[in-house]
Amino acid sequence: MTVREFAKSRGFEVVGRLRRLPDVRFGLDNGRYPLYIDDAGNEYHMSKDGVTGGSIVTHDGGVL
């Protein structure tokens, strides 16, 4: 699932372009998770497998 598809499935729209940031490391397995940010400053934390989604942190601090 792409970042845009994931955002749309959550009823959210990606603003402008997406940039890939360095992976985030967390969890019990200290795994690496892809992180993207759009032009409005919304963050998209994706799952390692790229299929199961992740979470969205909006520019004002909300979490979806």
PDB file of N, CA and C in Angstrom:
ATOM      1  N   MET A   1       0.845  -1.167   0.000  1.00  0.00           N
ATOM      2  CA  MET A   1       0.000   0.000   0.000  1.00  0.00           C
ATOM      3  C   MET A   1       0.894   1.235   0.000  1.00  0.00           C
ATOM      4  N   THR A   2       0.592   2.176  -0.870  1.00  0.00           N
ATOM      5  CA  THR A   2       1.375   3.406  -0.906  1.00  0.00           C
ATOM      6  C   THR A   2       0.945   4.328   0.232  1.00  0.00           C
ATOM      7  N   VAL A   3       1.740   5.352   0.486  1.00  0.00           N
ATOM      8  CA  VAL A   3       1.407   6.323   1.527  1.00  0.00           C
ATOM      9  C   VAL A   3       0.089   7.013   1.180  1.00  0.00           C
ATOM     10  N   ARG A   4      -0.083   7.378  -0.058  1.00  0.00           N
ATOM     11  CA  ARG A   4      -1.322   8.055  -0.465  1.00  0.00           C
ATOM     12  C   ARG A   4      -2.536   7.137  -0.308  1.00  0.00           C
ATOM     13  N   GLU A   5      -2.396   5.872  -0.648  1.00  0.00           N
ATOM     14  CA  GLU A   5      -3.490   4.911  -0.470  1.00  0.00           C
ATOM     15  C   GLU A   5      -3.804   4.738   1.013  1.00  0.00           C
ATOM     16  N   PHE A   6      -2.763   4.657   1.833  1.00  0.00           N
ATOM     17  CA  PHE A   6      -2.959   4.516   3.268  1.00  0.00           C
ATOM     18  C   PHE A   6      -3.692   5.730   3.836  1.00  0.00           C
ATOM     19  N   ALA A   7      -3.258   6.944   3.465  1.00  0.00           N
ATOM     20  CA  ALA A   7      -3.906   8.159   3.962  1.00  0.00           C
ATOM     21  C   ALA A   7      -5.378   8.186   3.541  1.00  0.00           C
ATOM     22  N   LYS A   8      -5.633   7.850   2.297  1.00  0.00           N
ATOM     23  CA  LYS A   8      -7.008   7.847   1.794  1.00  0.00           C
ATOM     24  C   LYS A   8      -7.869   6.843   2.566  1.00  0.00           C
ATOM     25  N   SER A   9      -7.312   5.692   2.912  1.00  0.00           N
ATOM     26  CA  SER A   9      -8.068   4.687   3.672  1.00  0.00           C
ATOM     27  C   SER A   9      -8.425   5.183   5.068  1.00  0.00           C
ATOM     28  N   ARG A  10      -7.691   6.184   5.558  1.00  0.00           N
ATOM     29  CA  ARG A  10      -7.955   6.785   6.865  1.00  0.00           C
ATOM     30  C   ARG A  10      -8.775   8.067   6.748  1.00  0.00           C
ATOM     31  N   GLY A  11      -9.222   8.396   5.517  1.00  0.00           N
ATOM     32  CA  GLY A  11      -9.998   9.607   5.303  1.00  0.00           C
ATOM     33  C   GLY A  11      -9.166  10.870   5.374  1.00  0.00           C
ATOM     34  N   PHE A  12      -7.893  10.755   5.014  1.00  0.00           N
ATOM     35  CA  PHE A  12      -6.947  11.864   5.092  1.00  0.00           C
ATOM     36  C   PHE A  12      -6.320  12.062   3.729  1.00  0.00           C
ATOM     37  N   GLU A  13      -5.977  13.295   3.404  1.00  0.00           N
ATOM     38  CA  GLU A  13      -5.371  13.576   2.102  1.00  0.00           C
ATOM     39  C   GLU A  13      -3.941  14.077   2.271  1.00  0.00           C
ATOM     40  N   VAL A  14      -3.033  13.489   1.521  1.00  0.00           N
ATOM     41  CA  VAL A  14      -1.638  13.935   1.502  1.00  0.00           C
ATOM     42  C   VAL A  14      -1.596  15.313   0.845  1.00  0.00           C
ATOM     43  N   VAL A  15      -0.860  16.247   1.468  1.00  0.00           N
ATOM     44  CA  VAL A  15      -0.767  17.612   0.951  1.00  0.00           C
ATOM     45  C   VAL A  15       0.542  17.765   0.179  1.00  0.00           C
ATOM     46  N   GLY A  16       0.438  17.959  -1.122  1.00  0.00           N
ATOM     47  CA  GLY A  16       1.621  18.197  -1.951  1.00  0.00           C
ATOM     48  C   GLY A  16       2.497  16.966  -2.112  1.00  0.00           C
ATOM     49  N   ARG A  17       3.802  17.219  -2.097  1.00  0.00           N
ATOM     50  CA  ARG A  17       4.786  16.156  -2.324  1.00  0.00           C
ATOM     51  C   ARG A  17       5.109  15.412  -1.028  1.00  0.00           C
ATOM     52  N   LEU A  18       5.558  14.190  -1.186  1.00  0.00           N
ATOM     53  CA  LEU A  18       6.031  13.383  -0.062  1.00  0.00           C
ATOM     54  C   LEU A  18       7.541  13.291  -0.106  1.00  0.00           C
ATOM     55  N   ARG A  19       8.166  13.389   1.050  1.00  0.00           N
ATOM     56  CA  ARG A  19       9.615  13.186   1.150  1.00  0.00           C
ATOM     57  C   ARG A  19       9.859  12.020   2.105  1.00  0.00           C
ATOM     58  N   ARG A  20      10.812  11.191   1.749  1.00  0.00           N
ATOM     59  CA  ARG A  20      11.192  10.077   2.610  1.00  0.00           C
ATOM     60  C   ARG A  20      12.246  10.583   3.589  1.00  0.00           C
ATOM     61  N   LEU A  21      12.029  10.306   4.866  1.00  0.00           N
ATOM     62  CA  LEU A  21      12.985  10.655   5.912  1.00  0.00           C
ATOM     63  C   LEU A  21      13.684   9.382   6.377  1.00  0.00           C
ATOM     64  N   PRO A  22      14.752   9.511   7.159  1.00  0.00           N
ATOM     65  CA  PRO A  22      15.397   8.297   7.683  1.00  0.00           C
ATOM     66  C   PRO A  22      14.397   7.454   8.474  1.00  0.00           C
ATOM     67  N   ASP A  23      14.551   6.149   8.379  1.00  0.00           N
ATOM     68  CA  ASP A  23      13.662   5.237   9.098  1.00  0.00           C
ATOM     69  C   ASP A  23      13.680   5.526  10.588  1.00  0.00           C
ATOM     70  N   VAL A  24      12.525   5.271  11.214  1.00  0.00           N
ATOM     71  CA  VAL A  24      12.385   5.407  12.657  1.00  0.00           C
ATOM     72  C   VAL A  24      12.631   4.031  13.271  1.00  0.00           C
ATOM     73  N   ARG A  25      13.377   3.996  14.360  1.00  0.00           N
ATOM     74  CA  ARG A  25      13.644   2.723  15.052  1.00  0.00           C
ATOM     75  C   ARG A  25      12.876   2.713  16.367  1.00  0.00           C
ATOM     76  N   PHE A  26      12.017   1.713  16.548  1.00  0.00           N
ATOM     77  CA  PHE A  26      11.302   1.577  17.817  1.00  0.00           C
ATOM     78  C   PHE A  26      10.694   0.199  17.918  1.00  0.00           C
ATOM     79  N   GLY A  27      10.029  -0.050  19.037  1.00  0.00           N
ATOM     80  CA  GLY A  27       9.375  -1.333  19.265  1.00  0.00           C
ATOM     81  C   GLY A  27      10.280  -2.314  19.978  1.00  0.00           C
ATOM     82  N   LEU A  28       9.689  -3.403  20.390  1.00  0.00           N
ATOM     83  CA  LEU A  28      10.437  -4.443  21.102  1.00  0.00           C
ATOM     84  C   LEU A  28      11.552  -5.022  20.257  1.00  0.00           C
ATOM     85  N   ASP A  29      11.337  -5.039  18.950  1.00  0.00           N
ATOM     86  CA  ASP A  29      12.361  -5.591  18.061  1.00  0.00           C
ATOM     87  C   ASP A  29      13.336  -4.513  17.574  1.00  0.00           C
ATOM     88  N   ASN A  30      13.147  -3.252  18.032  1.00  0.00           N
ATOM     89  CA  ASN A  30      13.977  -2.132  17.597  1.00  0.00           C
ATOM     90  C   ASN A  30      14.039  -2.071  16.069  1.00  0.00           C
ATOM     91  N   GLY A  31      12.898  -2.381  15.459  1.00  0.00           N
ATOM     92  CA  GLY A  31      12.827  -2.438  14.001  1.00  0.00           C
ATOM     93  C   GLY A  31      12.890  -1.075  13.348  1.00  0.00           C
ATOM     94  N   ARG A  32      13.094  -1.100  12.069  1.00  0.00           N
ATOM     95  CA  ARG A  32      13.179   0.133  11.268  1.00  0.00           C
ATOM     96  C   ARG A  32      11.860   0.291  10.522  1.00  0.00           C
ATOM     97  N   TYR A  33      11.254   1.466  10.665  1.00  0.00           N
ATOM     98  CA  TYR A  33       9.965   1.741  10.056  1.00  0.00           C
ATOM     99  C   TYR A  33      10.069   2.967   9.156  1.00  0.00           C
ATOM    100  N   PRO A  34       9.568   2.875   7.920  1.00  0.00           N
ATOM    101  CA  PRO A  34       9.646   3.992   6.983  1.00  0.00           C
ATOM    102  C   PRO A  34       8.865   5.210   7.488  1.00  0.00           C
ATOM    103  N   LEU A  35       9.415   6.391   7.265  1.00  0.00           N
ATOM    104  CA  LEU A  35       8.792   7.645   7.673  1.00  0.00           C
ATOM    105  C   LEU A  35       8.778   8.599   6.486  1.00  0.00           C
ATOM    106  N   TYR A  36       7.621   9.210   6.254  1.00  0.00           N
ATOM    107  CA  TYR A  36       7.448  10.177   5.177  1.00  0.00           C
ATOM    108  C   TYR A  36       6.848  11.450   5.758  1.00  0.00           C
ATOM    109  N   ILE A  37       7.055  12.576   5.079  1.00  0.00           N
ATOM    110  CA  ILE A  37       6.456  13.838   5.478  1.00  0.00           C
ATOM    111  C   ILE A  37       5.971  14.550   4.221  1.00  0.00           C
ATOM    112  N   ASP A  38       4.810  15.204   4.332  1.00  0.00           N
ATOM    113  CA  ASP A  38       4.300  15.928   3.162  1.00  0.00           C
ATOM    114  C   ASP A  38       4.590  17.424   3.298  1.00  0.00           C
ATOM    115  N   ASP A  39       4.172  18.202   2.310  1.00  0.00           N
ATOM    116  CA  ASP A  39       4.476  19.632   2.272  1.00  0.00           C
ATOM    117  C   ASP A  39       3.852  20.418   3.429  1.00  0.00           C
ATOM    118  N   ALA A  40       2.801  19.891   4.055  1.00  0.00           N
ATOM    119  CA  ALA A  40       2.151  20.580   5.171  1.00  0.00           C
ATOM    120  C   ALA A  40       2.760  20.198   6.525  1.00  0.00           C
ATOM    121  N   GLY A  41       3.685  19.232   6.525  1.00  0.00           N
ATOM    122  CA  GLY A  41       4.310  18.809   7.770  1.00  0.00           C
ATOM    123  C   GLY A  41       3.632  17.630   8.441  1.00  0.00           C
ATOM    124  N   ASN A  42       2.708  16.971   7.741  1.00  0.00           N
ATOM    125  CA  ASN A  42       2.074  15.758   8.262  1.00  0.00           C
ATOM    126  C   ASN A  42       3.049  14.597   8.100  1.00  0.00           C
ATOM    127  N   GLU A  43       3.166  13.767   9.146  1.00  0.00           N
ATOM    128  CA  GLU A  43       4.075  12.621   9.105  1.00  0.00           C
ATOM    129  C   GLU A  43       3.298  11.336   8.884  1.00  0.00           C
ATOM    130  N   TYR A  44       3.877  10.455   8.097  1.00  0.00           N
ATOM    131  CA  TYR A  44       3.270   9.166   7.787  1.00  0.00           C
ATOM    132  C   TYR A  44       4.242   8.075   8.216  1.00  0.00           C
ATOM    133  N   HIS A  45       3.913   7.399   9.289  1.00  0.00           N
ATOM    134  CA  HIS A  45       4.733   6.321   9.830  1.00  0.00           C
ATOM    135  C   HIS A  45       4.164   5.016   9.283  1.00  0.00           C
ATOM    136  N   MET A  46       4.911   4.369   8.429  1.00  0.00           N
ATOM    137  CA  MET A  46       4.409   3.183   7.741  1.00  0.00           C
ATOM    138  C   MET A  46       4.925   1.901   8.393  1.00  0.00           C
ATOM    139  N   SER A  47       4.214   0.808   8.128  1.00  0.00           N
ATOM    140  CA  SER A  47       4.642  -0.491   8.633  1.00  0.00           C
ATOM    141  C   SER A  47       5.860  -0.974   7.850  1.00  0.00           C
ATOM    142  N   LYS A  48       6.589  -1.900   8.453  1.00  0.00           N
ATOM    143  CA  LYS A  48       7.781  -2.437   7.783  1.00  0.00           C
ATOM    144  C   LYS A  48       7.434  -3.137   6.485  1.00  0.00           C
ATOM    145  N   ASP A  49       6.296  -3.840   6.471  1.00  0.00           N
ATOM    146  CA  ASP A  49       5.946  -4.607   5.277  1.00  0.00           C
ATOM    147  C   ASP A  49       5.284  -3.754   4.194  1.00  0.00           C
ATOM    148  N   GLY A  50       4.910  -2.513   4.528  1.00  0.00           N
ATOM    149  CA  GLY A  50       4.313  -1.632   3.539  1.00  0.00           C
ATOM    150  C   GLY A  50       2.895  -1.987   3.158  1.00  0.00           C
ATOM    151  N   VAL A  51       2.304  -2.948   3.847  1.00  0.00           N
ATOM    152  CA  VAL A  51       0.969  -3.403   3.502  1.00  0.00           C
ATOM    153  C   VAL A  51      -0.040  -3.085   4.602  1.00  0.00           C
ATOM    154  N   THR A  52       0.343  -3.255   5.840  1.00  0.00           N
ATOM    155  CA  THR A  52      -0.602  -3.153   6.945  1.00  0.00           C
ATOM    156  C   THR A  52      -0.836  -1.735   7.432  1.00  0.00           C
ATOM    157  N   GLY A  53      -0.245  -0.744   6.779  1.00  0.00           N
ATOM    158  CA  GLY A  53      -0.507   0.642   7.145  1.00  0.00           C
ATOM    159  C   GLY A  53       0.454   1.174   8.174  1.00  0.00           C
ATOM    160  N   GLY A  54      -0.050   1.948   9.102  1.00  0.00           N
ATOM    161  CA  GLY A  54       0.784   2.585  10.104  1.00  0.00           C
ATOM    162  C   GLY A  54      -0.007   3.642  10.824  1.00  0.00           C
ATOM    163  N   SER A  55       0.573   4.838  10.966  1.00  0.00           N
ATOM    164  CA  SER A  55      -0.143   5.926  11.619  1.00  0.00           C
ATOM    165  C   SER A  55       0.214   7.246  10.944  1.00  0.00           C
ATOM    166  N   ILE A  56      -0.661   8.220  11.173  1.00  0.00           N
ATOM    167  CA  ILE A  56      -0.463   9.557  10.626  1.00  0.00           C
ATOM    168  C   ILE A  56      -0.412  10.517  11.804  1.00  0.00           C
ATOM    169  N   VAL A  57       0.619  11.357  11.824  1.00  0.00           N
ATOM    170  CA  VAL A  57       0.713  12.423  12.818  1.00  0.00           C
ATOM    171  C   VAL A  57       0.536  13.726  12.054  1.00  0.00           C
ATOM    172  N   THR A  58      -0.556  14.423  12.345  1.00  0.00           N
ATOM    173  CA  THR A  58      -0.859  15.649  11.619  1.00  0.00           C
ATOM    174  C   THR A  58       0.066  16.780  12.065  1.00  0.00           C
ATOM    175  N   HIS A  59       0.150  17.815  11.246  1.00  0.00           N
ATOM    176  CA  HIS A  59       1.046  18.935  11.526  1.00  0.00           C
ATOM    177  C   HIS A  59       0.722  19.621  12.853  1.00  0.00           C
ATOM    178  N   ASP A  60      -0.511  19.478  13.354  1.00  0.00           N
ATOM    179  CA  ASP A  60      -0.891  20.109  14.621  1.00  0.00           C
ATOM    180  C   ASP A  60      -0.867  19.140  15.804  1.00  0.00           C
ATOM    181  N   GLY A  61      -0.309  17.938  15.584  1.00  0.00           N
ATOM    182  CA  GLY A  61      -0.101  16.990  16.670  1.00  0.00           C
ATOM    183  C   GLY A  61      -1.158  15.915  16.837  1.00  0.00           C
ATOM    184  N   GLY A  62      -2.180  15.905  15.991  1.00  0.00           N
ATOM    185  CA  GLY A  62      -3.179  14.850  16.047  1.00  0.00           C
ATOM    186  C   GLY A  62      -2.611  13.539  15.537  1.00  0.00           C
ATOM    187  N   VAL A  63      -3.194  12.440  15.982  1.00  0.00           N
ATOM    188  CA  VAL A  63      -2.756  11.115  15.528  1.00  0.00           C
ATOM    189  C   VAL A  63      -3.944  10.362  14.965  1.00  0.00           C
ATOM    190  N   LEU A  64      -3.759   9.827  13.766  1.00  0.00           N
ATOM    191  CA  LEU A  64      -4.798   9.014  13.115  1.00  0.00           C
ATOM    192  C   LEU A  64      -4.300   7.601  12.944  1.00  0.00           C
TER     193      LEU A  64
END
